Amino acid sequence: MPLPIPPSVVIPDCDIALTFVRASGPGGQNVNKVASAVQLRFDLAATAALEERVKQRLRALAGRRLTDEGAILIVARNHRTQERNRAEALERLSELVRRALIEPRARKPTRPTHTARARRLEGKTRHGRNKRLRGRVRWDGEPR
């Protein structure tokens, strides 16, 4: 079943691979017997469902989840059942894609205000005065 993402984007099943592995941690005999953890692999490099600009932002957002082959690897093992872990992995992928679909606004450069400029210069003057006071004292008691 394809993964729908609200603003008219649908990721086809052929781009998503789900594998089930044994989870680690607490859970007793269930953890040792049942492969309930889910590894979701989304082939970002080969997908045609996303534009190139969205793919670039998704690569940046994926961080360490991005593999060398250009796939996003999401591991979900918080729940006891395979179905809930699968749903969590798919939700995490859709949230990541949703965040990548939002185009960042371009920054408009602004000039510093007159007050900000004056405050900066005052700080520089104060810093210079402190440094000058740390210097050697002349015989008449004034710093150099």
C-alpha atoms as a PDB file:
ATOM      1  CA  MET A   1       0.000   0.000   0.000  1.00  0.00           C
ATOM      2  CA  PRO A   2       1.555   3.344  -1.018  1.00  0.00           C
ATOM      3  CA  LEU A   3       2.410   5.841   1.722  1.00  0.00           C
ATOM      4  CA  PRO A   4       0.338   9.030   1.279  1.00  0.00           C
ATOM      5  CA  ILE A   5       1.811  12.272   2.549  1.00  0.00           C
ATOM      6  CA  PRO A   6      -0.744  15.102   2.822  1.00  0.00           C
ATOM      7  CA  PRO A   7       0.308  17.778   0.282  1.00  0.00           C
ATOM      8  CA  SER A   8      -0.405  15.551  -2.766  1.00  0.00           C
ATOM      9  CA  VAL A   9       2.729  13.372  -2.490  1.00  0.00           C
ATOM     10  CA  VAL A  10       2.499   9.580  -2.544  1.00  0.00           C
ATOM     11  CA  ILE A  11       5.523   7.347  -2.068  1.00  0.00           C
ATOM     12  CA  PRO A  12       5.102   4.065  -3.996  1.00  0.00           C
ATOM     13  CA  ASP A  13       5.654   0.686  -2.344  1.00  0.00           C
ATOM     14  CA  CYS A  14       8.590  -0.140  -4.619  1.00  0.00           C
ATOM     15  CA  ASP A  15      10.653   2.650  -2.953  1.00  0.00           C
ATOM     16  CA  ILE A  16      10.075   1.310   0.579  1.00  0.00           C
ATOM     17  CA  ALA A  17      11.500  -1.967   1.900  1.00  0.00           C
ATOM     18  CA  LEU A  18      10.499  -3.320   5.302  1.00  0.00           C
ATOM     19  CA  THR A  19      12.508  -5.989   7.120  1.00  0.00           C
ATOM     20  CA  PHE A  20      11.750  -7.423  10.525  1.00  0.00           C
ATOM     21  CA  VAL A  21      14.507  -8.203  13.016  1.00  0.00           C
ATOM     22  CA  ARG A  22      14.694  -9.170  16.654  1.00  0.00           C
ATOM     23  CA  ALA A  23      14.586  -6.205  18.998  1.00  0.00           C
ATOM     24  CA  SER A  24      17.034  -5.735  21.842  1.00  0.00           C
ATOM     25  CA  GLY A  25      16.392  -4.710  25.417  1.00  0.00           C
ATOM     26  CA  PRO A  26      13.700  -5.719  27.919  1.00  0.00           C
ATOM     27  CA  GLY A  27      10.729  -7.858  26.977  1.00  0.00           C
ATOM     28  CA  GLY A  28      11.633 -11.298  28.213  1.00  0.00           C
ATOM     29  CA  GLN A  29      10.956 -14.332  26.078  1.00  0.00           C
ATOM     30  CA  ASN A  30       8.981 -12.301  23.523  1.00  0.00           C
ATOM     31  CA  VAL A  31      12.125 -10.375  22.527  1.00  0.00           C
ATOM     32  CA  ASN A  32      14.133 -13.564  22.081  1.00  0.00           C
ATOM     33  CA  LYS A  33      11.500 -15.321  19.949  1.00  0.00           C
ATOM     34  CA  VAL A  34       9.707 -12.729  17.836  1.00  0.00           C
ATOM     35  CA  ALA A  35      11.174 -10.454  15.161  1.00  0.00           C
ATOM     36  CA  SER A  36       9.119  -7.406  16.107  1.00  0.00           C
ATOM     37  CA  ALA A  37      11.573  -4.593  15.332  1.00  0.00           C
ATOM     38  CA  VAL A  38      11.193  -2.959  11.913  1.00  0.00           C
ATOM     39  CA  GLN A  39      13.920  -1.661   9.604  1.00  0.00           C
ATOM     40  CA  LEU A  40      12.428   0.627   6.984  1.00  0.00           C
ATOM     41  CA  ARG A  41      14.646   1.420   4.000  1.00  0.00           C
ATOM     42  CA  PHE A  42      13.502   4.250   1.721  1.00  0.00           C
ATOM     43  CA  ASP A  43      15.439   4.446  -1.555  1.00  0.00           C
ATOM     44  CA  LEU A  44      15.815   8.212  -1.778  1.00  0.00           C
ATOM     45  CA  ALA A  45      18.265   8.208  -4.686  1.00  0.00           C
ATOM     46  CA  ALA A  46      16.005   6.171  -6.994  1.00  0.00           C
ATOM     47  CA  THR A  47      12.569   7.530  -6.089  1.00  0.00           C
ATOM     48  CA  ALA A  48      10.655   9.523  -8.681  1.00  0.00           C
ATOM     49  CA  ALA A  49       7.971  10.619  -6.210  1.00  0.00           C
ATOM     50  CA  LEU A  50       9.973  13.614  -4.956  1.00  0.00           C
ATOM     51  CA  GLU A  51      11.501  16.605  -6.706  1.00  0.00           C
ATOM     52  CA  GLU A  52      15.272  17.097  -6.579  1.00  0.00           C
ATOM     53  CA  ARG A  53      15.013  20.129  -4.249  1.00  0.00           C
ATOM     54  CA  VAL A  54      12.935  18.076  -1.789  1.00  0.00           C
ATOM     55  CA  LYS A  55      15.453  15.227  -2.016  1.00  0.00           C
ATOM     56  CA  GLN A  56      18.279  17.644  -1.159  1.00  0.00           C
ATOM     57  CA  ARG A  57      16.427  18.907   1.934  1.00  0.00           C
ATOM     58  CA  LEU A  58      15.552  15.329   2.905  1.00  0.00           C
ATOM     59  CA  ARG A  59      19.231  14.325   2.693  1.00  0.00           C
ATOM     60  CA  ALA A  60      20.100  17.166   5.065  1.00  0.00           C
ATOM     61  CA  LEU A  61      17.272  16.287   7.478  1.00  0.00           C
ATOM     62  CA  ALA A  62      18.056  12.549   7.466  1.00  0.00           C
ATOM     63  CA  GLY A  63      21.504  13.061   8.989  1.00  0.00           C
ATOM     64  CA  ARG A  64      23.016   9.779  10.178  1.00  0.00           C
ATOM     65  CA  ARG A  65      19.980   7.809   8.962  1.00  0.00           C
ATOM     66  CA  LEU A  66      21.209   8.286   5.381  1.00  0.00           C
ATOM     67  CA  THR A  67      23.268   5.347   4.082  1.00  0.00           C
ATOM     68  CA  ASP A  68      26.153   5.486   1.605  1.00  0.00           C
ATOM     69  CA  GLU A  69      23.871   4.122  -1.124  1.00  0.00           C
ATOM     70  CA  GLY A  70      21.522   7.095  -0.735  1.00  0.00           C
ATOM     71  CA  ALA A  71      18.783   5.299   1.211  1.00  0.00           C
ATOM     72  CA  ILE A  72      17.154   6.420   4.451  1.00  0.00           C
ATOM     73  CA  LEU A  73      17.180   3.741   7.151  1.00  0.00           C
ATOM     74  CA  ILE A  74      14.647   4.034   9.973  1.00  0.00           C
ATOM     75  CA  VAL A  75      14.620   1.464  12.799  1.00  0.00           C
ATOM     76  CA  ALA A  76      11.529   1.213  15.038  1.00  0.00           C
ATOM     77  CA  ARG A  77      11.606  -1.092  18.046  1.00  0.00           C
ATOM     78  CA  ASN A  78       9.696   0.767  20.762  1.00  0.00           C
ATOM     79  CA  HIS A  79       6.574  -1.406  20.698  1.00  0.00           C
ATOM     80  CA  ARG A  80       5.991  -5.095  21.384  1.00  0.00           C
ATOM     81  CA  THR A  81       4.172  -5.833  18.132  1.00  0.00           C
ATOM     82  CA  GLN A  82       5.389  -5.834  14.565  1.00  0.00           C
ATOM     83  CA  GLU A  83       2.350  -3.891  13.390  1.00  0.00           C
ATOM     84  CA  ARG A  84       2.820  -0.996  15.807  1.00  0.00           C
ATOM     85  CA  ASN A  85       6.538  -0.791  14.992  1.00  0.00           C
ATOM     86  CA  ARG A  86       5.712  -0.806  11.264  1.00  0.00           C
ATOM     87  CA  ALA A  87       3.191   2.001  11.753  1.00  0.00           C
ATOM     88  CA  GLU A  88       5.711   4.012  13.784  1.00  0.00           C
ATOM     89  CA  ALA A  89       8.438   3.592  11.136  1.00  0.00           C
ATOM     90  CA  LEU A  90       6.087   4.688   8.346  1.00  0.00           C
ATOM     91  CA  GLU A  91       4.899   7.655  10.411  1.00  0.00           C
ATOM     92  CA  ARG A  92       8.496   8.720  11.101  1.00  0.00           C
ATOM     93  CA  LEU A  93       9.296   8.541   7.379  1.00  0.00           C
ATOM     94  CA  SER A  94       6.189  10.549   6.442  1.00  0.00           C
ATOM     95  CA  GLU A  95       7.034  13.176   9.086  1.00  0.00           C
ATOM     96  CA  LEU A  96      10.560  13.465   7.676  1.00  0.00           C
ATOM     97  CA  VAL A  97       9.225  13.879   4.129  1.00  0.00           C
ATOM     98  CA  ARG A  98       6.595  16.370   5.356  1.00  0.00           C
ATOM     99  CA  ARG A  99       9.346  18.495   6.920  1.00  0.00           C
ATOM    100  CA  ALA A 100      11.393  18.316   3.692  1.00  0.00           C
ATOM    101  CA  LEU A 101       8.425  19.476   1.606  1.00  0.00           C
ATOM    102  CA  ILE A 102       8.362  22.821   3.434  1.00  0.00           C
ATOM    103  CA  GLU A 103      10.518  25.197   1.443  1.00  0.00           C
ATOM    104  CA  PRO A 104      12.599  27.495   3.667  1.00  0.00           C
ATOM    105  CA  ARG A 105      11.959  31.197   3.212  1.00  0.00           C
ATOM    106  CA  ALA A 106      14.791  33.205   1.728  1.00  0.00           C
ATOM    107  CA  ARG A 107      16.540  35.458   4.229  1.00  0.00           C
ATOM    108  CA  LYS A 108      16.368  39.147   3.443  1.00  0.00           C
ATOM    109  CA  PRO A 109      19.588  40.808   4.608  1.00  0.00           C
ATOM    110  CA  THR A 110      19.049  43.834   6.824  1.00  0.00           C
ATOM    111  CA  ARG A 111      21.352  46.577   8.046  1.00  0.00           C
ATOM    112  CA  PRO A 112      22.038  47.026  11.761  1.00  0.00           C
ATOM    113  CA  THR A 113      20.129  49.879  13.375  1.00  0.00           C
ATOM    114  CA  HIS A 114      21.833  53.079  14.519  1.00  0.00           C
ATOM    115  CA  THR A 115      21.406  52.070  18.172  1.00  0.00           C
ATOM    116  CA  ALA A 116      22.863  48.593  17.560  1.00  0.00           C
ATOM    117  CA  ARG A 117      25.879  50.145  15.802  1.00  0.00           C
ATOM    118  CA  ALA A 118      26.405  52.589  18.692  1.00  0.00           C
ATOM    119  CA  ARG A 119      26.093  49.756  21.247  1.00  0.00           C
ATOM    120  CA  ARG A 120      28.687  47.709  19.358  1.00  0.00           C
ATOM    121  CA  LEU A 121      31.155  50.605  19.205  1.00  0.00           C
ATOM    122  CA  GLU A 122      30.616  51.364  22.917  1.00  0.00           C
ATOM    123  CA  GLY A 123      31.409  47.740  23.744  1.00  0.00           C
ATOM    124  CA  LYS A 124      34.582  47.891  21.659  1.00  0.00           C
ATOM    125  CA  THR A 125      35.644  51.123  23.410  1.00  0.00           C
ATOM    126  CA  ARG A 126      35.013  49.587  26.850  1.00  0.00           C
ATOM    127  CA  HIS A 127      36.964  46.464  25.941  1.00  0.00           C
ATOM    128  CA  GLY A 128      39.888  48.541  24.666  1.00  0.00           C
ATOM    129  CA  ARG A 129      39.870  50.645  27.854  1.00  0.00           C
ATOM    130  CA  ASN A 130      40.004  47.470  29.995  1.00  0.00           C
ATOM    131  CA  LYS A 131      42.937  46.144  27.981  1.00  0.00           C
ATOM    132  CA  ARG A 132      44.752  49.487  28.256  1.00  0.00           C
ATOM    133  CA  LEU A 133      44.292  49.471  32.067  1.00  0.00           C
ATOM    134  CA  ARG A 134      46.018  46.069  32.247  1.00  0.00           C
ATOM    135  CA  GLY A 135      49.211  47.587  30.828  1.00  0.00           C
ATOM    136  CA  ARG A 136      52.263  49.002  32.566  1.00  0.00           C
ATOM    137  CA  VAL A 137      51.683  52.082  34.767  1.00  0.00           C
ATOM    138  CA  ARG A 138      53.738  55.224  34.084  1.00  0.00           C
ATOM    139  CA  TRP A 139      55.544  57.128  36.873  1.00  0.00           C
ATOM    140  CA  ASP A 140      52.816  59.808  37.004  1.00  0.00           C
ATOM    141  CA  GLY A 141      50.181  57.143  37.807  1.00  0.00           C
ATOM    142  CA  GLU A 142      48.416  57.141  34.422  1.00  0.00           C
ATOM    143  CA  PRO A 143      48.241  53.989  32.263  1.00  0.00           C
ATOM    144  CA  ARG A 144      50.028  54.168  28.967  1.00  0.00           C
END
